[in-house]
Amino acid sequence: HERSRDKRWPERERSWAWGESERERDS
């Protein structure tokens, strides 16, 4: 479970970063 969580963590960071960029564009 810990290994799979470590693998999923970068993907979540990317999705969060992508969400922030979209918000900035909209603003």
PDB file of all heavy atoms in Angstrom:
ATOM      1  N   HIS A   1       0.830  -1.204   0.000  1.00  0.00           N
ATOM      2  CA  HIS A   1       0.000   0.000   0.000  1.00  0.00           C
ATOM      3  C   HIS A   1       0.867   1.258   0.000  1.00  0.00           C
ATOM      4  O   HIS A   1       0.575   2.236  -0.703  1.00  0.00           O
ATOM      5  CB  HIS A   1      -0.899  -0.017   1.228  1.00  0.00           C
ATOM      6  CG  HIS A   1      -1.788   1.185   1.327  1.00  0.00           C
ATOM      7  ND1 HIS A   1      -2.819   1.418   0.452  1.00  0.00           N
ATOM      8  CD2 HIS A   1      -1.769   2.242   2.190  1.00  0.00           C
ATOM      9  CE1 HIS A   1      -3.414   2.545   0.760  1.00  0.00           C
ATOM     10  NE2 HIS A   1      -2.789   3.067   1.824  1.00  0.00           N
ATOM     11  N   GLU A   2       1.964   1.236   0.789  1.00  0.00           N
ATOM     12  CA  GLU A   2       2.849   2.403   0.824  1.00  0.00           C
ATOM     13  C   GLU A   2       3.526   2.625  -0.528  1.00  0.00           C
ATOM     14  O   GLU A   2       3.668   3.754  -0.992  1.00  0.00           O
ATOM     15  CB  GLU A   2       3.897   2.206   1.910  1.00  0.00           C
ATOM     16  CG  GLU A   2       3.305   2.285   3.330  1.00  0.00           C
ATOM     17  CD  GLU A   2       4.364   2.013   4.381  1.00  0.00           C
ATOM     18  OE1 GLU A   2       5.517   1.728   3.980  1.00  0.00           O
ATOM     19  OE2 GLU A   2       4.036   2.095   5.582  1.00  0.00           O
ATOM     20  N   ARG A   3       3.949   1.541  -1.184  1.00  0.00           N
ATOM     21  CA  ARG A   3       4.599   1.681  -2.491  1.00  0.00           C
ATOM     22  C   ARG A   3       3.630   2.256  -3.521  1.00  0.00           C
ATOM     23  O   ARG A   3       3.976   3.157  -4.291  1.00  0.00           O
ATOM     24  CB  ARG A   3       5.102   0.320  -2.954  1.00  0.00           C
ATOM     25  CG  ARG A   3       6.283  -0.202  -2.121  1.00  0.00           C
ATOM     26  CD  ARG A   3       6.624  -1.635  -2.525  1.00  0.00           C
ATOM     27  NE  ARG A   3       7.692  -2.166  -1.680  1.00  0.00           N
ATOM     28  CZ  ARG A   3       8.096  -3.435  -1.725  1.00  0.00           C
ATOM     29  NH1 ARG A   3       7.494  -4.294  -2.573  1.00  0.00           N
ATOM     30  NH2 ARG A   3       9.068  -3.846  -0.930  1.00  0.00           N
ATOM     31  N   SER A   4       2.416   1.728  -3.528  1.00  0.00           N
ATOM     32  CA  SER A   4       1.444   2.243  -4.493  1.00  0.00           C
ATOM     33  C   SER A   4       1.103   3.694  -4.198  1.00  0.00           C
ATOM     34  O   SER A   4       0.901   4.492  -5.109  1.00  0.00           O
ATOM     35  CB  SER A   4       0.177   1.390  -4.450  1.00  0.00           C
ATOM     36  OG  SER A   4      -0.393   1.434  -3.163  1.00  0.00           O
ATOM     37  N   ARG A   5       1.093   4.066  -2.918  1.00  0.00           N
ATOM     38  CA  ARG A   5       0.820   5.452  -2.573  1.00  0.00           C
ATOM     39  C   ARG A   5       1.946   6.366  -3.039  1.00  0.00           C
ATOM     40  O   ARG A   5       1.703   7.475  -3.519  1.00  0.00           O
ATOM     41  CB  ARG A   5       0.640   5.571  -1.055  1.00  0.00           C
ATOM     42  CG  ARG A   5       0.234   6.953  -0.576  1.00  0.00           C
ATOM     43  CD  ARG A   5       0.011   6.975   0.902  1.00  0.00           C
ATOM     44  NE  ARG A   5       1.229   6.595   1.614  1.00  0.00           N
ATOM     45  CZ  ARG A   5       1.308   6.462   2.933  1.00  0.00           C
ATOM     46  NH1 ARG A   5       0.235   6.644   3.682  1.00  0.00           N
ATOM     47  NH2 ARG A   5       2.444   6.124   3.510  1.00  0.00           N
ATOM     48  N   ASP A   6       3.208   5.899  -2.913  1.00  0.00           N
ATOM     49  CA  ASP A   6       4.331   6.700  -3.398  1.00  0.00           C
ATOM     50  C   ASP A   6       4.261   6.892  -4.909  1.00  0.00           C
ATOM     51  O   ASP A   6       4.641   7.953  -5.435  1.00  0.00           O
ATOM     52  CB  ASP A   6       5.656   6.016  -3.021  1.00  0.00           C
ATOM     53  CG  ASP A   6       5.851   5.981  -1.510  1.00  0.00           C
ATOM     54  OD1 ASP A   6       5.203   6.811  -0.826  1.00  0.00           O
ATOM     55  OD2 ASP A   6       6.603   5.127  -1.015  1.00  0.00           O
ATOM     56  N   LYS A   7       3.790   5.857  -5.611  1.00  0.00           N
ATOM     57  CA  LYS A   7       3.679   5.974  -7.070  1.00  0.00           C
ATOM     58  C   LYS A   7       2.572   6.952  -7.461  1.00  0.00           C
ATOM     59  O   LYS A   7       2.707   7.689  -8.438  1.00  0.00           O
ATOM     60  CB  LYS A   7       3.385   4.600  -7.685  1.00  0.00           C
ATOM     61  CG  LYS A   7       4.561   3.638  -7.570  1.00  0.00           C
ATOM     62  CD  LYS A   7       4.193   2.291  -8.177  1.00  0.00           C
ATOM     63  CE  LYS A   7       5.353   1.315  -8.051  1.00  0.00           C
ATOM     64  NZ  LYS A   7       4.999  -0.014  -8.614  1.00  0.00           N
ATOM     65  N   ARG A   8       1.477   6.927  -6.705  1.00  0.00           N
ATOM     66  CA  ARG A   8       0.360   7.801  -7.042  1.00  0.00           C
ATOM     67  C   ARG A   8       0.597   9.250  -6.643  1.00  0.00           C
ATOM     68  O   ARG A   8      -0.057  10.148  -7.154  1.00  0.00           O
ATOM     69  CB  ARG A   8      -0.921   7.291  -6.370  1.00  0.00           C
ATOM     70  CG  ARG A   8      -1.429   5.973  -6.899  1.00  0.00           C
ATOM     71  CD  ARG A   8      -2.856   5.723  -6.416  1.00  0.00           C
ATOM     72  NE  ARG A   8      -2.941   5.721  -4.972  1.00  0.00           N
ATOM     73  CZ  ARG A   8      -2.836   4.616  -4.228  1.00  0.00           C
ATOM     74  NH1 ARG A   8      -2.607   3.442  -4.813  1.00  0.00           N
ATOM     75  NH2 ARG A   8      -2.947   4.683  -2.917  1.00  0.00           N
ATOM     76  N   TRP A   9       1.536   9.504  -5.747  1.00  0.00           N
ATOM     77  CA  TRP A   9       1.741  10.866  -5.230  1.00  0.00           C
ATOM     78  C   TRP A   9       2.163  11.861  -6.309  1.00  0.00           C
ATOM     79  O   TRP A   9       1.597  12.948  -6.370  1.00  0.00           O
ATOM     80  CB  TRP A   9       2.759  10.818  -4.101  1.00  0.00           C
ATOM     81  CG  TRP A   9       2.882  12.129  -3.386  1.00  0.00           C
ATOM     82  CD1 TRP A   9       3.874  13.037  -3.494  1.00  0.00           C
ATOM     83  CD2 TRP A   9       1.950  12.666  -2.460  1.00  0.00           C
ATOM     84  NE1 TRP A   9       3.643  14.112  -2.694  1.00  0.00           N
ATOM     85  CE2 TRP A   9       2.453  13.913  -2.041  1.00  0.00           C
ATOM     86  CE3 TRP A   9       0.729  12.238  -1.942  1.00  0.00           C
ATOM     87  CZ2 TRP A   9       1.785  14.721  -1.134  1.00  0.00           C
ATOM     88  CZ3 TRP A   9       0.072  13.033  -1.037  1.00  0.00           C
ATOM     89  CH2 TRP A   9       0.593  14.264  -0.646  1.00  0.00           C
ATOM     90  N   PRO A  10       3.151  11.546  -7.179  1.00  0.00           N
ATOM     91  CA  PRO A  10       3.505  12.515  -8.241  1.00  0.00           C
ATOM     92  C   PRO A  10       2.342  12.821  -9.172  1.00  0.00           C
ATOM     93  O   PRO A  10       2.174  13.954  -9.616  1.00  0.00           O
ATOM     94  CB  PRO A  10       4.651  11.817  -8.989  1.00  0.00           C
ATOM     95  CG  PRO A  10       5.200  10.835  -8.025  1.00  0.00           C
ATOM     96  CD  PRO A  10       4.044  10.383  -7.206  1.00  0.00           C
ATOM     97  N   GLU A  11       1.513  11.792  -9.470  1.00  0.00           N
ATOM     98  CA  GLU A  11       0.371  12.033 -10.341  1.00  0.00           C
ATOM     99  C   GLU A  11      -0.612  13.005  -9.701  1.00  0.00           C
ATOM    100  O   GLU A  11      -1.157  13.884 -10.364  1.00  0.00           O
ATOM    101  CB  GLU A  11      -0.328  10.700 -10.639  1.00  0.00           C
ATOM    102  CG  GLU A  11       0.567   9.712 -11.393  1.00  0.00           C
ATOM    103  CD  GLU A  11      -0.152   8.403 -11.620  1.00  0.00           C
ATOM    104  OE1 GLU A  11      -1.306   8.292 -11.142  1.00  0.00           O
ATOM    105  OE2 GLU A  11       0.419   7.510 -12.262  1.00  0.00           O
ATOM    106  N   ARG A  12      -0.807  12.868  -8.388  1.00  0.00           N
ATOM    107  CA  ARG A  12      -1.701  13.802  -7.708  1.00  0.00           C
ATOM    108  C   ARG A  12      -1.130  15.218  -7.743  1.00  0.00           C
ATOM    109  O   ARG A  12      -1.848  16.192  -7.931  1.00  0.00           O
ATOM    110  CB  ARG A  12      -1.893  13.372  -6.258  1.00  0.00           C
ATOM    111  CG  ARG A  12      -2.694  12.080  -6.116  1.00  0.00           C
ATOM    112  CD  ARG A  12      -2.860  11.728  -4.657  1.00  0.00           C
ATOM    113  NE  ARG A  12      -3.640  10.510  -4.512  1.00  0.00           N
ATOM    114  CZ  ARG A  12      -3.894   9.939  -3.338  1.00  0.00           C
ATOM    115  NH1 ARG A  12      -3.414  10.487  -2.228  1.00  0.00           N
ATOM    116  NH2 ARG A  12      -4.606   8.836  -3.286  1.00  0.00           N
ATOM    117  N   GLU A  13       0.204  15.340  -7.556  1.00  0.00           N
ATOM    118  CA  GLU A  13       0.819  16.669  -7.592  1.00  0.00           C
ATOM    119  C   GLU A  13       0.631  17.310  -8.961  1.00  0.00           C
ATOM    120  O   GLU A  13       0.352  18.508  -9.079  1.00  0.00           O
ATOM    121  CB  GLU A  13       2.305  16.563  -7.250  1.00  0.00           C
ATOM    122  CG  GLU A  13       2.545  16.215  -5.766  1.00  0.00           C
ATOM    123  CD  GLU A  13       4.024  16.146  -5.466  1.00  0.00           C
ATOM    124  OE1 GLU A  13       4.822  16.129  -6.437  1.00  0.00           O
ATOM    125  OE2 GLU A  13       4.384  16.123  -4.273  1.00  0.00           O
ATOM    126  N   ARG A  14       0.783  16.495  -9.995  1.00  0.00           N
ATOM    127  CA  ARG A  14       0.586  17.036 -11.345  1.00  0.00           C
ATOM    128  C   ARG A  14      -0.843  17.518 -11.535  1.00  0.00           C
ATOM    129  O   ARG A  14      -1.088  18.589 -12.079  1.00  0.00           O
ATOM    130  CB  ARG A  14       0.896  15.950 -12.381  1.00  0.00           C
ATOM    131  CG  ARG A  14       2.375  15.557 -12.428  1.00  0.00           C
ATOM    132  CD  ARG A  14       2.557  14.365 -13.346  1.00  0.00           C
ATOM    133  NE  ARG A  14       3.892  13.830 -13.251  1.00  0.00           N
ATOM    134  CZ  ARG A  14       4.267  12.684 -13.799  1.00  0.00           C
ATOM    135  NH1 ARG A  14       3.366  11.953 -14.473  1.00  0.00           N
ATOM    136  NH2 ARG A  14       5.509  12.250 -13.681  1.00  0.00           N
ATOM    137  N   SER A  15      -1.778  16.699 -11.057  1.00  0.00           N
ATOM    138  CA  SER A  15      -3.179  17.092 -11.228  1.00  0.00           C
ATOM    139  C   SER A  15      -3.478  18.368 -10.454  1.00  0.00           C
ATOM    140  O   SER A  15      -4.191  19.251 -10.919  1.00  0.00           O
ATOM    141  CB  SER A  15      -4.098  15.961 -10.762  1.00  0.00           C
ATOM    142  OG  SER A  15      -3.878  15.677  -9.396  1.00  0.00           O
ATOM    143  N   TRP A  16      -2.900  18.490  -9.242  1.00  0.00           N
ATOM    144  CA  TRP A  16      -3.116  19.706  -8.470  1.00  0.00           C
ATOM    145  C   TRP A  16      -2.515  20.925  -9.176  1.00  0.00           C
ATOM    146  O   TRP A  16      -3.101  21.991  -9.229  1.00  0.00           O
ATOM    147  CB  TRP A  16      -2.510  19.550  -7.076  1.00  0.00           C
ATOM    148  CG  TRP A  16      -3.244  18.544  -6.236  1.00  0.00           C
ATOM    149  CD1 TRP A  16      -4.510  18.090  -6.419  1.00  0.00           C
ATOM    150  CD2 TRP A  16      -2.729  17.849  -5.100  1.00  0.00           C
ATOM    151  NE1 TRP A  16      -4.842  17.171  -5.470  1.00  0.00           N
ATOM    152  CE2 TRP A  16      -3.761  16.988  -4.630  1.00  0.00           C
ATOM    153  CE3 TRP A  16      -1.521  17.852  -4.416  1.00  0.00           C
ATOM    154  CZ2 TRP A  16      -3.608  16.181  -3.530  1.00  0.00           C
ATOM    155  CZ3 TRP A  16      -1.376  17.045  -3.300  1.00  0.00           C
ATOM    156  CH2 TRP A  16      -2.408  16.210  -2.873  1.00  0.00           C
ATOM    157  N   ALA A  17      -1.277  20.729  -9.696  1.00  0.00           N
ATOM    158  CA  ALA A  17      -0.633  21.841 -10.399  1.00  0.00           C
ATOM    159  C   ALA A  17      -1.438  22.242 -11.632  1.00  0.00           C
ATOM    160  O   ALA A  17      -1.619  23.419 -11.925  1.00  0.00           O
ATOM    161  CB  ALA A  17       0.790  21.435 -10.808  1.00  0.00           C
ATOM    162  N   TRP A  18      -1.924  21.257 -12.351  1.00  0.00           N
ATOM    163  CA  TRP A  18      -2.741  21.542 -13.526  1.00  0.00           C
ATOM    164  C   TRP A  18      -4.004  22.297 -13.137  1.00  0.00           C
ATOM    165  O   TRP A  18      -4.414  23.239 -13.782  1.00  0.00           O
ATOM    166  CB  TRP A  18      -3.112  20.221 -14.208  1.00  0.00           C
ATOM    167  CG  TRP A  18      -3.973  20.439 -15.430  1.00  0.00           C
ATOM    168  CD1 TRP A  18      -3.567  20.761 -16.684  1.00  0.00           C
ATOM    169  CD2 TRP A  18      -5.400  20.336 -15.475  1.00  0.00           C
ATOM    170  NE1 TRP A  18      -4.641  20.877 -17.522  1.00  0.00           N
ATOM    171  CE2 TRP A  18      -5.778  20.616 -16.806  1.00  0.00           C
ATOM    172  CE3 TRP A  18      -6.380  20.045 -14.544  1.00  0.00           C
ATOM    173  CZ2 TRP A  18      -7.094  20.598 -17.212  1.00  0.00           C
ATOM    174  CZ3 TRP A  18      -7.689  20.033 -14.943  1.00  0.00           C
ATOM    175  CH2 TRP A  18      -8.039  20.308 -16.261  1.00  0.00           C
ATOM    176  N   GLY A  19      -4.611  21.911 -11.993  1.00  0.00           N
ATOM    177  CA  GLY A  19      -5.801  22.615 -11.547  1.00  0.00           C
ATOM    178  C   GLY A  19      -5.511  24.060 -11.200  1.00  0.00           C
ATOM    179  O   GLY A  19      -6.274  24.965 -11.528  1.00  0.00           O
ATOM    180  N   GLU A  20      -4.342  24.317 -10.561  1.00  0.00           N
ATOM    181  CA  GLU A  20      -3.994  25.694 -10.224  1.00  0.00           C
ATOM    182  C   GLU A  20      -3.774  26.536 -11.467  1.00  0.00           C
ATOM    183  O   GLU A  20      -4.188  27.686 -11.545  1.00  0.00           O
ATOM    184  CB  GLU A  20      -2.750  25.692  -9.353  1.00  0.00           C
ATOM    185  CG  GLU A  20      -3.000  25.115  -7.946  1.00  0.00           C
ATOM    186  CD  GLU A  20      -1.738  25.072  -7.140  1.00  0.00           C
ATOM    187  OE1 GLU A  20      -0.681  25.445  -7.695  1.00  0.00           O
ATOM    188  OE2 GLU A  20      -1.801  24.671  -5.957  1.00  0.00           O
ATOM    189  N   SER A  21      -3.098  25.964 -12.490  1.00  0.00           N
ATOM    190  CA  SER A  21      -2.856  26.725 -13.712  1.00  0.00           C
ATOM    191  C   SER A  21      -4.176  27.077 -14.408  1.00  0.00           C
ATOM    192  O   SER A  21      -4.336  28.183 -14.917  1.00  0.00           O
ATOM    193  CB  SER A  21      -1.959  25.914 -14.657  1.00  0.00           C
ATOM    194  OG  SER A  21      -2.592  24.696 -15.009  1.00  0.00           O
ATOM    195  N   GLU A  22      -5.100  26.132 -14.392  1.00  0.00           N
ATOM    196  CA  GLU A  22      -6.398  26.409 -15.006  1.00  0.00           C
ATOM    197  C   GLU A  22      -7.113  27.543 -14.266  1.00  0.00           C
ATOM    198  O   GLU A  22      -7.718  28.425 -14.869  1.00  0.00           O
ATOM    199  CB  GLU A  22      -7.264  25.138 -14.980  1.00  0.00           C
ATOM    200  CG  GLU A  22      -6.809  24.058 -15.945  1.00  0.00           C
ATOM    201  CD  GLU A  22      -7.038  24.469 -17.389  1.00  0.00           C
ATOM    202  OE1 GLU A  22      -7.966  25.254 -17.621  1.00  0.00           O
ATOM    203  OE2 GLU A  22      -6.277  24.045 -18.261  1.00  0.00           O
ATOM    204  N   ARG A  23      -7.031  27.508 -12.937  1.00  0.00           N
ATOM    205  CA  ARG A  23      -7.664  28.578 -12.172  1.00  0.00           C
ATOM    206  C   ARG A  23      -7.033  29.932 -12.490  1.00  0.00           C
ATOM    207  O   ARG A  23      -7.713  30.949 -12.620  1.00  0.00           O
ATOM    208  CB  ARG A  23      -7.533  28.286 -10.672  1.00  0.00           C
ATOM    209  CG  ARG A  23      -8.349  27.095 -10.218  1.00  0.00           C
ATOM    210  CD  ARG A  23      -8.030  26.741  -8.792  1.00  0.00           C
ATOM    211  NE  ARG A  23      -8.698  25.515  -8.399  1.00  0.00           N
ATOM    212  CZ  ARG A  23      -8.470  24.888  -7.250  1.00  0.00           C
ATOM    213  NH1 ARG A  23      -7.577  25.376  -6.404  1.00  0.00           N
ATOM    214  NH2 ARG A  23      -9.120  23.790  -6.961  1.00  0.00           N
ATOM    215  N   GLU A  24      -5.699  29.950 -12.578  1.00  0.00           N
ATOM    216  CA  GLU A  24      -5.029  31.207 -12.898  1.00  0.00           C
ATOM    217  C   GLU A  24      -5.449  31.722 -14.273  1.00  0.00           C
ATOM    218  O   GLU A  24      -5.677  32.917 -14.460  1.00  0.00           O
ATOM    219  CB  GLU A  24      -3.516  30.997 -12.858  1.00  0.00           C
ATOM    220  CG  GLU A  24      -2.998  30.741 -11.431  1.00  0.00           C
ATOM    221  CD  GLU A  24      -1.508  30.469 -11.429  1.00  0.00           C
ATOM    222  OE1 GLU A  24      -0.925  30.430 -12.549  1.00  0.00           O
ATOM    223  OE2 GLU A  24      -0.928  30.303 -10.349  1.00  0.00           O
ATOM    224  N   ARG A  25      -5.551  30.830 -15.241  1.00  0.00           N
ATOM    225  CA  ARG A  25      -5.992  31.232 -16.574  1.00  0.00           C
ATOM    226  C   ARG A  25      -7.390  31.837 -16.543  1.00  0.00           C
ATOM    227  O   ARG A  25      -7.643  32.889 -17.146  1.00  0.00           O
ATOM    228  CB  ARG A  25      -5.983  30.027 -17.519  1.00  0.00           C
ATOM    229  CG  ARG A  25      -4.586  29.503 -17.837  1.00  0.00           C
ATOM    230  CD  ARG A  25      -4.697  28.244 -18.680  1.00  0.00           C
ATOM    231  NE  ARG A  25      -3.402  27.625 -18.876  1.00  0.00           N
ATOM    232  CZ  ARG A  25      -3.221  26.437 -19.468  1.00  0.00           C
ATOM    233  NH1 ARG A  25      -4.285  25.759 -19.905  1.00  0.00           N
ATOM    234  NH2 ARG A  25      -2.020  25.942 -19.611  1.00  0.00           N
ATOM    235  N   ASP A  26      -8.281  31.176 -15.803  1.00  0.00           N
ATOM    236  CA  ASP A  26      -9.651  31.688 -15.718  1.00  0.00           C
ATOM    237  C   ASP A  26      -9.691  33.067 -15.077  1.00  0.00           C
ATOM    238  O   ASP A  26     -10.410  33.965 -15.524  1.00  0.00           O
ATOM    239  CB  ASP A  26     -10.518  30.722 -14.910  1.00  0.00           C
ATOM    240  CG  ASP A  26     -10.672  29.390 -15.625  1.00  0.00           C
ATOM    241  OD1 ASP A  26     -10.467  29.369 -16.856  1.00  0.00           O
ATOM    242  OD2 ASP A  26     -10.984  28.388 -14.939  1.00  0.00           O
ATOM    243  N   SER A  27      -8.902  33.245 -14.007  1.00  0.00           N
ATOM    244  CA  SER A  27      -8.897  34.551 -13.341  1.00  0.00           C
ATOM    245  C   SER A  27      -8.326  35.630 -14.260  1.00  0.00           C
ATOM    246  O   SER A  27      -8.821  36.764 -14.296  1.00  0.00           O
ATOM    247  CB  SER A  27      -8.080  34.463 -12.050  1.00  0.00           C
ATOM    248  OG  SER A  27      -6.740  34.094 -12.333  1.00  0.00           O
TER     249      SER A  27
END
